[in-house]
Structure formats: C-alpha cells, structure tokens
N, C-alpha and C. Protein backbone atom coordinates (compact mmCIF):
# COMPACT_ATOMS: atom_id res chain seq x y z
N UNK A 1 119.91 -42.84 116.77
CA UNK A 1 120.32 -43.43 118.02
C UNK A 1 121.57 -42.82 118.43
N UNK A 2 121.97 -43.18 119.61
CA UNK A 2 123.14 -42.59 120.29
C UNK A 2 124.46 -42.89 119.60
N UNK A 3 124.51 -44.06 118.83
CA UNK A 3 125.75 -44.36 118.11
C UNK A 3 125.96 -43.65 116.81
N UNK A 4 125.00 -42.85 116.47
CA UNK A 4 125.13 -42.02 115.20
C UNK A 4 124.71 -42.78 113.94
N UNK A 5 124.34 -44.03 114.02
CA UNK A 5 123.91 -44.78 112.85
C UNK A 5 122.41 -44.85 112.77
N UNK A 6 121.92 -45.13 111.57
CA UNK A 6 120.51 -45.23 111.37
C UNK A 6 120.04 -46.70 111.68
N UNK A 7 118.96 -46.84 112.41
CA UNK A 7 118.45 -48.16 112.79
C UNK A 7 116.96 -48.13 112.49
N UNK A 8 116.46 -49.46 112.24
CA UNK A 8 115.04 -49.65 112.04
C UNK A 8 114.36 -49.53 113.37
N UNK A 9 113.30 -48.82 113.43
CA UNK A 9 112.43 -48.68 114.64
C UNK A 9 111.03 -48.90 114.20
N UNK A 10 110.37 -49.90 114.80
CA UNK A 10 108.89 -50.21 114.52
C UNK A 10 108.14 -49.34 115.53
N UNK A 11 107.15 -48.68 114.95
CA UNK A 11 106.28 -47.76 115.77
C UNK A 11 104.79 -48.10 115.65
N UNK A 12 104.16 -47.91 116.82
CA UNK A 12 102.66 -47.96 116.91
C UNK A 12 102.21 -46.79 117.65
N UNK A 13 101.31 -45.99 117.15
CA UNK A 13 100.97 -44.65 117.71
C UNK A 13 99.48 -44.34 117.65
N UNK A 14 98.68 -45.13 118.51
CA UNK A 14 97.23 -44.91 118.53
C UNK A 14 96.93 -43.73 119.45
N UNK A 15 95.75 -43.02 119.17
CA UNK A 15 95.34 -41.96 119.97
C UNK A 15 93.95 -41.44 119.56
N UNK A 16 93.52 -40.47 120.12
CA UNK A 16 92.13 -39.92 119.85
C UNK A 16 92.09 -38.46 120.34
N UNK A 17 91.13 -37.73 119.80
CA UNK A 17 91.04 -36.37 120.30
C UNK A 17 89.80 -35.66 119.81
N UNK A 18 89.76 -34.39 119.89
CA UNK A 18 88.66 -33.49 119.54
C UNK A 18 89.15 -32.39 118.61
N UNK A 19 88.17 -31.91 117.81
CA UNK A 19 88.42 -30.80 116.95
C UNK A 19 87.29 -29.79 117.13
N UNK A 20 87.61 -28.51 116.93
CA UNK A 20 86.63 -27.41 117.04
C UNK A 20 86.85 -26.43 115.93
N UNK A 21 85.80 -26.13 115.15
CA UNK A 21 85.90 -25.19 114.05
C UNK A 21 85.53 -23.83 114.51
N UNK A 22 86.36 -22.90 114.48
CA UNK A 22 86.09 -21.54 114.86
C UNK A 22 86.01 -20.76 113.48
N UNK A 23 84.98 -20.03 113.25
CA UNK A 23 84.77 -19.35 111.97
C UNK A 23 85.87 -18.33 111.57
N UNK A 24 86.41 -17.66 112.64
CA UNK A 24 87.45 -16.61 112.34
C UNK A 24 88.84 -17.23 112.18
N UNK A 25 89.16 -18.26 112.98
CA UNK A 25 90.55 -18.69 112.96
C UNK A 25 90.78 -20.10 112.27
N UNK A 26 89.84 -20.94 112.20
CA UNK A 26 90.01 -22.20 111.57
C UNK A 26 89.70 -23.38 112.47
N UNK A 27 90.18 -24.51 112.14
CA UNK A 27 89.98 -25.82 112.77
C UNK A 27 91.13 -26.02 113.82
N UNK A 28 90.73 -25.98 115.13
CA UNK A 28 91.65 -26.31 116.20
C UNK A 28 91.44 -27.78 116.64
N UNK A 29 92.54 -28.45 116.97
CA UNK A 29 92.42 -29.79 117.46
C UNK A 29 93.38 -30.06 118.55
N UNK A 30 93.04 -31.11 119.32
CA UNK A 30 93.90 -31.64 120.45
C UNK A 30 93.66 -33.16 120.50
N UNK A 31 94.78 -33.85 120.60
CA UNK A 31 94.75 -35.31 120.59
C UNK A 31 95.59 -35.87 121.78
N UNK A 32 95.06 -36.85 122.48
CA UNK A 32 95.82 -37.58 123.40
C UNK A 32 96.45 -38.78 122.60
N UNK A 33 97.74 -39.05 122.87
CA UNK A 33 98.44 -40.12 122.08
C UNK A 33 99.13 -41.09 122.98
N UNK A 34 99.26 -42.32 122.50
CA UNK A 34 100.17 -43.29 123.14
C UNK A 34 101.12 -43.66 122.04
N UNK A 35 102.30 -44.15 122.45
CA UNK A 35 103.38 -44.51 121.39
C UNK A 35 104.17 -45.73 121.98
N UNK A 36 104.43 -46.67 121.04
CA UNK A 36 105.25 -47.72 121.30
C UNK A 36 106.35 -47.83 120.19
N UNK A 37 107.63 -47.76 120.58
CA UNK A 37 108.73 -47.87 119.67
C UNK A 37 109.50 -49.24 120.01
N UNK A 38 109.81 -50.03 119.07
CA UNK A 38 110.57 -51.29 119.27
C UNK A 38 111.70 -51.34 118.26
N UNK A 39 112.89 -51.53 118.87
CA UNK A 39 114.15 -51.57 118.01
C UNK A 39 115.28 -52.27 118.94
N UNK A 40 116.07 -53.09 118.31
CA UNK A 40 117.20 -53.67 118.95
C UNK A 40 118.32 -52.69 119.22
N UNK A 41 118.23 -51.50 118.70
CA UNK A 41 119.23 -50.48 118.89
C UNK A 41 119.05 -49.73 120.24
N UNK A 42 117.78 -49.77 120.80
CA UNK A 42 117.58 -49.11 122.09
C UNK A 42 118.08 -49.92 123.24
N UNK A 43 118.37 -49.28 124.25
CA UNK A 43 118.93 -49.87 125.50
C UNK A 43 117.99 -50.98 125.99
N UNK A 44 116.71 -50.70 126.03
CA UNK A 44 115.72 -51.64 126.66
C UNK A 44 114.98 -52.40 125.46
N UNK A 45 115.31 -52.13 124.21
CA UNK A 45 114.65 -52.62 123.01
C UNK A 45 113.22 -52.15 122.75
N UNK A 46 112.65 -51.45 123.73
CA UNK A 46 111.30 -50.80 123.53
C UNK A 46 111.21 -49.51 124.30
N UNK A 47 110.27 -48.67 123.89
CA UNK A 47 109.93 -47.50 124.63
C UNK A 47 108.35 -47.30 124.51
N UNK A 48 107.73 -47.08 125.66
CA UNK A 48 106.30 -46.93 125.69
C UNK A 48 106.04 -45.59 126.37
N UNK A 49 105.27 -44.80 125.66
CA UNK A 49 104.97 -43.38 126.18
C UNK A 49 103.62 -42.95 125.85
N UNK A 50 103.38 -41.71 126.39
CA UNK A 50 102.09 -41.05 126.19
C UNK A 50 102.35 -39.56 126.09
N UNK A 51 101.42 -38.83 125.38
CA UNK A 51 101.62 -37.39 125.26
C UNK A 51 100.38 -36.75 124.60
N UNK A 52 100.63 -35.69 123.90
CA UNK A 52 99.55 -34.95 123.25
C UNK A 52 100.01 -34.18 122.01
N UNK A 53 99.07 -33.95 121.12
CA UNK A 53 99.30 -33.06 119.95
C UNK A 53 98.24 -32.02 119.97
N UNK A 54 98.65 -30.77 119.57
CA UNK A 54 97.64 -29.67 119.39
C UNK A 54 98.01 -28.96 118.08
N UNK A 55 97.01 -28.39 117.50
CA UNK A 55 97.33 -27.71 116.23
C UNK A 55 96.13 -26.87 115.66
N UNK A 56 96.41 -26.13 114.67
CA UNK A 56 95.47 -25.27 114.02
C UNK A 56 95.63 -25.39 112.47
N UNK A 57 94.51 -25.63 111.72
CA UNK A 57 94.43 -25.68 110.30
C UNK A 57 93.61 -24.46 109.94
N UNK A 58 94.16 -23.53 109.17
CA UNK A 58 93.47 -22.27 108.83
C UNK A 58 93.46 -22.08 107.33
N UNK A 59 92.33 -21.68 106.84
CA UNK A 59 92.16 -21.29 105.42
C UNK A 59 92.20 -19.80 105.40
N UNK A 60 93.29 -19.28 104.89
CA UNK A 60 93.54 -17.78 104.87
C UNK A 60 92.68 -17.18 103.68
N UNK A 61 92.82 -17.76 102.57
CA UNK A 61 92.01 -17.42 101.32
C UNK A 61 91.53 -18.69 100.72
N UNK A 62 90.81 -18.53 99.59
CA UNK A 62 90.44 -19.69 98.87
C UNK A 62 91.55 -20.59 98.34
N UNK A 63 92.70 -19.95 98.16
CA UNK A 63 93.83 -20.54 97.52
C UNK A 63 94.91 -20.88 98.49
N UNK A 64 94.88 -20.34 99.76
CA UNK A 64 96.03 -20.49 100.66
C UNK A 64 95.60 -20.98 102.04
N UNK A 65 96.17 -22.02 102.51
CA UNK A 65 95.91 -22.48 103.87
C UNK A 65 97.20 -22.91 104.63
N UNK A 66 97.15 -22.95 105.90
CA UNK A 66 98.33 -23.37 106.62
C UNK A 66 97.92 -24.23 107.81
N UNK A 67 98.94 -24.90 108.34
CA UNK A 67 98.79 -25.83 109.46
C UNK A 67 99.97 -25.65 110.41
N UNK A 68 99.64 -25.40 111.65
CA UNK A 68 100.67 -25.23 112.70
C UNK A 68 100.37 -26.26 113.77
N UNK A 69 101.38 -26.94 114.22
CA UNK A 69 101.12 -28.02 115.24
C UNK A 69 102.29 -28.27 116.12
N UNK A 70 102.09 -28.86 117.28
CA UNK A 70 103.15 -29.23 118.20
C UNK A 70 102.75 -30.59 118.78
N UNK A 71 103.72 -31.37 119.11
CA UNK A 71 103.56 -32.75 119.63
C UNK A 71 104.66 -33.00 120.66
N UNK A 72 104.19 -33.57 121.79
CA UNK A 72 105.13 -33.98 122.80
C UNK A 72 104.81 -35.36 123.35
N UNK A 73 105.69 -36.28 123.36
CA UNK A 73 105.55 -37.63 123.84
C UNK A 73 106.63 -37.92 124.85
N UNK A 74 106.19 -38.39 126.00
CA UNK A 74 107.17 -38.75 127.05
C UNK A 74 107.15 -40.28 127.13
N UNK A 75 108.29 -40.90 126.85
CA UNK A 75 108.47 -42.31 126.92
C UNK A 75 108.97 -42.68 128.23
N UNK A 76 108.09 -43.05 129.19
CA UNK A 76 108.46 -43.31 130.57
C UNK A 76 108.61 -44.82 130.97
N UNK A 77 108.37 -45.66 129.98
CA UNK A 77 108.52 -47.06 130.25
C UNK A 77 109.51 -47.66 129.21
N UNK A 78 110.43 -48.43 129.64
CA UNK A 78 111.45 -48.95 128.74
C UNK A 78 112.63 -48.02 128.55
N UNK A 79 112.90 -47.61 127.38
CA UNK A 79 113.94 -46.65 127.04
C UNK A 79 113.45 -45.23 127.30
N UNK A 80 113.76 -44.76 128.43
CA UNK A 80 113.21 -43.43 128.86
C UNK A 80 113.80 -42.27 128.00
N UNK A 81 112.93 -41.44 127.43
CA UNK A 81 113.28 -40.25 126.71
C UNK A 81 112.08 -39.41 126.34
N UNK A 82 112.26 -38.24 125.84
CA UNK A 82 111.22 -37.36 125.47
C UNK A 82 111.31 -37.01 124.00
N UNK A 83 110.19 -36.86 123.35
CA UNK A 83 110.14 -36.51 121.96
C UNK A 83 109.26 -35.21 121.80
N UNK A 84 109.75 -34.19 121.16
CA UNK A 84 109.04 -33.02 120.94
C UNK A 84 109.24 -32.59 119.39
N UNK A 85 108.06 -32.15 118.81
CA UNK A 85 108.06 -31.73 117.47
C UNK A 85 107.20 -30.50 117.30
N UNK A 86 107.65 -29.53 116.57
CA UNK A 86 106.87 -28.35 116.12
C UNK A 86 106.93 -28.20 114.67
N UNK A 87 105.80 -27.95 113.93
CA UNK A 87 105.81 -27.93 112.52
C UNK A 87 104.89 -26.85 112.00
N UNK A 88 105.23 -26.29 110.81
CA UNK A 88 104.43 -25.34 110.10
C UNK A 88 104.35 -25.91 108.63
N UNK A 89 103.09 -25.95 108.14
CA UNK A 89 102.87 -26.33 106.74
C UNK A 89 102.10 -25.23 106.04
N UNK A 90 102.42 -24.95 104.83
CA UNK A 90 101.62 -24.02 104.06
C UNK A 90 101.36 -24.64 102.67
N UNK A 91 100.08 -24.40 102.16
CA UNK A 91 99.65 -24.90 100.86
C UNK A 91 99.05 -23.83 100.02
N UNK A 92 99.46 -23.69 98.84
CA UNK A 92 98.96 -22.66 97.90
C UNK A 92 98.45 -23.40 96.72
N UNK A 93 97.17 -23.22 96.36
CA UNK A 93 96.60 -23.84 95.17
C UNK A 93 96.85 -23.01 94.01
N UNK A 94 97.54 -23.56 93.00
CA UNK A 94 97.92 -22.84 91.77
C UNK A 94 96.84 -22.98 90.79
N UNK A 95 96.27 -24.22 90.61
CA UNK A 95 95.13 -24.44 89.75
C UNK A 95 94.35 -25.61 90.32
N UNK A 96 93.30 -26.08 89.62
CA UNK A 96 92.49 -27.16 90.19
C UNK A 96 93.27 -28.50 90.30
N UNK A 97 94.36 -28.67 89.62
CA UNK A 97 95.09 -29.95 89.78
C UNK A 97 96.60 -29.72 90.09
N UNK A 98 97.00 -28.57 90.49
CA UNK A 98 98.38 -28.29 90.92
C UNK A 98 98.42 -27.40 92.16
N UNK A 99 99.46 -27.56 92.94
CA UNK A 99 99.62 -26.79 94.18
C UNK A 99 101.07 -26.73 94.58
N UNK A 100 101.32 -25.78 95.40
CA UNK A 100 102.69 -25.60 95.96
C UNK A 100 102.55 -25.72 97.45
N UNK A 101 103.48 -26.58 98.01
CA UNK A 101 103.48 -26.85 99.46
C UNK A 101 104.81 -26.57 100.09
N UNK A 102 104.82 -26.01 101.30
CA UNK A 102 106.03 -25.73 102.07
C UNK A 102 105.87 -26.30 103.46
N UNK A 103 106.88 -26.90 103.98
CA UNK A 103 106.81 -27.51 105.34
C UNK A 103 108.16 -27.37 106.04
N UNK A 104 108.17 -26.91 107.27
CA UNK A 104 109.40 -26.89 108.08
C UNK A 104 109.01 -27.39 109.44
N UNK A 105 109.94 -28.19 110.00
CA UNK A 105 109.71 -28.88 111.32
C UNK A 105 111.03 -28.86 112.12
N UNK A 106 110.83 -28.89 113.38
CA UNK A 106 111.97 -28.98 114.37
C UNK A 106 111.63 -30.03 115.34
N UNK A 107 112.51 -31.04 115.53
CA UNK A 107 112.22 -32.10 116.52
C UNK A 107 113.38 -32.17 117.55
N UNK A 108 113.08 -32.71 118.67
CA UNK A 108 114.08 -32.94 119.69
C UNK A 108 113.74 -34.39 120.27
N UNK A 109 114.79 -35.26 120.16
CA UNK A 109 114.68 -36.56 120.80
C UNK A 109 115.96 -36.71 121.63
N UNK A 110 115.72 -36.93 122.91
CA UNK A 110 116.80 -36.93 123.89
C UNK A 110 117.60 -35.60 123.77
N UNK A 111 118.80 -35.51 123.45
CA UNK A 111 119.54 -34.24 123.33
C UNK A 111 119.82 -33.93 121.85
N UNK A 112 119.22 -34.64 120.92
CA UNK A 112 119.43 -34.53 119.51
C UNK A 112 118.34 -33.65 118.86
N UNK A 113 118.74 -32.53 118.21
CA UNK A 113 117.86 -31.65 117.48
C UNK A 113 117.95 -31.91 115.95
N UNK A 114 116.78 -31.87 115.30
CA UNK A 114 116.77 -32.08 113.84
C UNK A 114 115.74 -31.05 113.28
N UNK A 115 116.22 -30.34 112.25
CA UNK A 115 115.36 -29.41 111.52
C UNK A 115 115.27 -29.81 110.09
N UNK A 116 114.02 -29.91 109.56
CA UNK A 116 113.82 -30.35 108.13
C UNK A 116 112.92 -29.33 107.45
N UNK A 117 113.16 -29.15 106.29
CA UNK A 117 112.26 -28.28 105.50
C UNK A 117 112.04 -28.94 104.06
N UNK A 118 110.86 -28.62 103.45
CA UNK A 118 110.61 -29.11 102.13
C UNK A 118 109.75 -28.16 101.31
N UNK A 119 110.02 -28.00 100.08
CA UNK A 119 109.28 -27.25 99.22
C UNK A 119 108.74 -28.24 98.08
N UNK A 120 107.44 -28.41 97.81
CA UNK A 120 106.92 -29.42 96.89
C UNK A 120 106.02 -28.73 95.85
N UNK A 121 106.05 -29.25 94.66
CA UNK A 121 105.13 -28.93 93.60
C UNK A 121 104.16 -30.13 93.47
N UNK A 122 102.96 -30.03 93.79
CA UNK A 122 101.97 -31.19 93.73
C UNK A 122 101.17 -31.16 92.45
N UNK A 123 101.02 -32.28 91.87
CA UNK A 123 100.20 -32.46 90.70
C UNK A 123 99.13 -33.53 91.04
N UNK A 124 97.92 -33.19 90.83
CA UNK A 124 96.80 -34.07 91.22
C UNK A 124 96.11 -34.53 89.87
N UNK A 125 95.92 -35.83 89.74
CA UNK A 125 95.21 -36.28 88.53
C UNK A 125 94.35 -37.47 88.83
C-alpha cells in the first residue's frame, strides 16, 4: 500500500478462457478475468476490476518445460489502479520423483514495481 506497510487484502478472482494446443509450440491460453480486492488500507476499501491473462506452456524436451505469461487487470471501480504481471517459469525433471524449478516475475501496481525470483528443488512422494 502507499504507506509502505503490509496490509491484509481479501481477493476474489473469477474468470474463464480458452486454450489451444499447437503441436510445434505448445499450449496457448487466454483468459478473461474479473477481480475484487477488499481491504481497510485502500482509500475506498475495495477495488473491482477486469482484465486478461495470456500465456504459453511449452514442453521443450521430455525433461524440460517452461511457462511464459502476462496478466493485466484494470481496477476501474472503487480504488482505481492498474495491475500488470509478467512471469517466466521453467521446470526440469531430474528423476521420476524430483525436479528443479525456476521462476521470475515482475509486477507493477500503481507506481510500485516488484521483481521476484525463486529456485526450488521439488520432491514428489
């Protein structure tokens, strides 16, 4: 929030969309979304918006796949602002029950930018 402190925000984000599997590139998808955020820290205590997400999930080899996506939500009712996110995820299968995952994302809310990255070792049992 604008005061620099962390606040609780309750969110509801329903939507729907379509996916198309292309044999050469992978699974493409697009979704229309709505979003409701409620928090006492916002000027109007709520923000209602709509937007879209698009992405690609591609299997490069039997062991490696990646996911690229972007999402934009414009909150035009209540606390006016825009939310944008771009993300890249990559997964490498090490064995039948372990994997390595990498994710990096960049978000912009109002004039605040945030970049996050993660590297994970996944164990499935």
